[in-house]
Every structure is written in structure tokens, then in C-alpha cells.
Amino acid sequence: MKIYKSPDKVVIQGKAWQVLHLLKEYRKHFENVRDWTNAGKRK
């Protein structure tokens, strides 16, 4: 799984369960989880 960070978005490349697990683990540390989810779906 790869994570690309840029000023306006975070792009996650990986399998769906990996992305969801990552979101679950780091939910407390990121205010806008929806952006993470959208970035993962956009690929």
C-alpha cells in the first residue's frame, strides 16, 4: 500500500480492506476522514 501526500489531498493506493483499516487506525489523528476515503476511491 502506498500513500501519496500533496498539499491539497492524500492519495491512498492499496486494497480496499487495507485502506479501510488504515482509516480506522488513524481516524483519531485526522479531522477529515471523508477526504481520505475519497482519495482512496479516486485512485
N, C-alpha and C. Protein backbone atom coordinates (compact mmCIF):
# COMPACT_ATOMS: atom_id res chain seq x y z
N MET A 1 0.84 -1.19 0.00
CA MET A 1 0.00 0.00 0.00
C MET A 1 0.88 1.24 0.00
N LYS A 2 0.50 2.22 -0.82
CA LYS A 2 1.27 3.45 -0.92
C LYS A 2 0.39 4.64 -0.59
N ILE A 3 0.99 5.63 0.07
CA ILE A 3 0.27 6.85 0.38
C ILE A 3 1.03 8.03 -0.20
N TYR A 4 0.35 8.81 -1.02
CA TYR A 4 0.96 9.99 -1.61
C TYR A 4 0.34 11.23 -0.97
N LYS A 5 1.19 12.07 -0.39
CA LYS A 5 0.68 13.28 0.25
C LYS A 5 1.04 14.49 -0.59
N SER A 6 0.04 15.30 -0.87
CA SER A 6 0.24 16.56 -1.57
C SER A 6 -0.51 17.64 -0.80
N PRO A 7 -0.25 18.91 -1.09
CA PRO A 7 -0.84 19.99 -0.29
C PRO A 7 -2.36 19.95 -0.21
N ASP A 8 -3.02 19.49 -1.27
CA ASP A 8 -4.48 19.58 -1.30
C ASP A 8 -5.19 18.25 -1.08
N LYS A 9 -4.44 17.13 -1.08
CA LYS A 9 -5.12 15.85 -0.90
C LYS A 9 -4.14 14.77 -0.49
N VAL A 10 -4.70 13.67 -0.03
CA VAL A 10 -3.92 12.49 0.29
C VAL A 10 -4.45 11.35 -0.56
N VAL A 11 -3.57 10.71 -1.32
CA VAL A 11 -3.99 9.62 -2.19
C VAL A 11 -3.48 8.31 -1.63
N ILE A 12 -4.39 7.38 -1.45
CA ILE A 12 -4.03 6.06 -0.93
C ILE A 12 -4.22 5.03 -2.03
N GLN A 13 -3.16 4.28 -2.31
CA GLN A 13 -3.27 3.19 -3.28
C GLN A 13 -3.09 1.87 -2.54
N GLY A 14 -4.08 1.00 -2.67
CA GLY A 14 -4.00 -0.28 -1.99
C GLY A 14 -5.35 -0.97 -2.07
N LYS A 15 -5.42 -2.15 -1.46
CA LYS A 15 -6.68 -2.89 -1.46
C LYS A 15 -7.65 -2.23 -0.49
N ALA A 16 -8.93 -2.42 -0.78
CA ALA A 16 -9.97 -1.73 -0.01
C ALA A 16 -9.85 -1.99 1.49
N TRP A 17 -9.62 -3.24 1.87
CA TRP A 17 -9.57 -3.55 3.30
C TRP A 17 -8.36 -2.90 3.96
N GLN A 18 -7.25 -2.76 3.21
CA GLN A 18 -6.07 -2.09 3.75
C GLN A 18 -6.36 -0.61 4.01
N VAL A 19 -7.02 0.02 3.03
CA VAL A 19 -7.36 1.44 3.15
C VAL A 19 -8.31 1.65 4.32
N LEU A 20 -9.34 0.81 4.41
CA LEU A 20 -10.31 0.95 5.49
C LEU A 20 -9.66 0.73 6.85
N HIS A 21 -8.75 -0.24 6.93
CA HIS A 21 -8.05 -0.50 8.18
C HIS A 21 -7.21 0.71 8.58
N LEU A 22 -6.52 1.29 7.59
CA LEU A 22 -5.70 2.46 7.85
C LEU A 22 -6.56 3.62 8.35
N LEU A 23 -7.69 3.83 7.69
CA LEU A 23 -8.59 4.90 8.11
C LEU A 23 -9.07 4.67 9.55
N LYS A 24 -9.37 3.42 9.86
CA LYS A 24 -9.86 3.09 11.20
C LYS A 24 -8.78 3.37 12.25
N GLU A 25 -7.55 3.00 11.93
CA GLU A 25 -6.44 3.17 12.87
C GLU A 25 -6.12 4.63 13.12
N TYR A 26 -6.21 5.43 12.07
CA TYR A 26 -5.74 6.81 12.17
C TYR A 26 -6.87 7.84 12.23
N ARG A 27 -8.08 7.34 12.41
CA ARG A 27 -9.24 8.23 12.44
C ARG A 27 -9.07 9.34 13.47
N LYS A 28 -8.49 9.00 14.60
CA LYS A 28 -8.33 9.98 15.68
C LYS A 28 -7.36 11.09 15.30
N HIS A 29 -6.44 10.79 14.39
CA HIS A 29 -5.37 11.73 14.08
C HIS A 29 -5.70 12.63 12.91
N PHE A 30 -6.76 12.31 12.19
CA PHE A 30 -7.12 13.13 11.04
C PHE A 30 -8.55 13.62 11.19
N GLU A 31 -8.73 14.92 11.02
CA GLU A 31 -10.05 15.51 11.26
C GLU A 31 -11.02 15.15 10.14
N ASN A 32 -10.52 15.08 8.91
CA ASN A 32 -11.42 14.88 7.77
C ASN A 32 -11.20 13.50 7.16
N VAL A 33 -11.85 12.51 7.72
CA VAL A 33 -11.70 11.14 7.24
C VAL A 33 -12.34 10.97 5.87
N ARG A 34 -13.35 11.78 5.60
CA ARG A 34 -14.05 11.68 4.31
C ARG A 34 -13.11 11.96 3.15
N ASP A 35 -12.19 12.92 3.33
CA ASP A 35 -11.22 13.22 2.28
C ASP A 35 -10.33 12.01 2.02
N TRP A 36 -9.93 11.32 3.09
CA TRP A 36 -9.10 10.13 2.93
C TRP A 36 -9.85 9.06 2.13
N THR A 37 -11.11 8.87 2.48
CA THR A 37 -11.91 7.85 1.79
C THR A 37 -12.05 8.19 0.31
N ASN A 38 -12.34 9.45 0.02
CA ASN A 38 -12.50 9.86 -1.37
C ASN A 38 -11.19 9.71 -2.13
N ALA A 39 -10.09 10.04 -1.50
CA ALA A 39 -8.79 9.92 -2.15
C ALA A 39 -8.51 8.45 -2.49
N GLY A 40 -8.89 7.55 -1.58
CA GLY A 40 -8.67 6.13 -1.81
C GLY A 40 -9.52 5.61 -2.95
N LYS A 41 -10.75 6.11 -3.07
CA LYS A 41 -11.64 5.64 -4.13
C LYS A 41 -11.25 6.20 -5.49
N ARG A 42 -10.64 7.39 -5.49
CA ARG A 42 -10.36 8.06 -6.76
C ARG A 42 -9.23 7.39 -7.52
N LYS A 43 -8.19 6.96 -6.85
CA LYS A 43 -7.02 6.29 -7.45
C LYS A 43 -6.69 6.86 -8.82
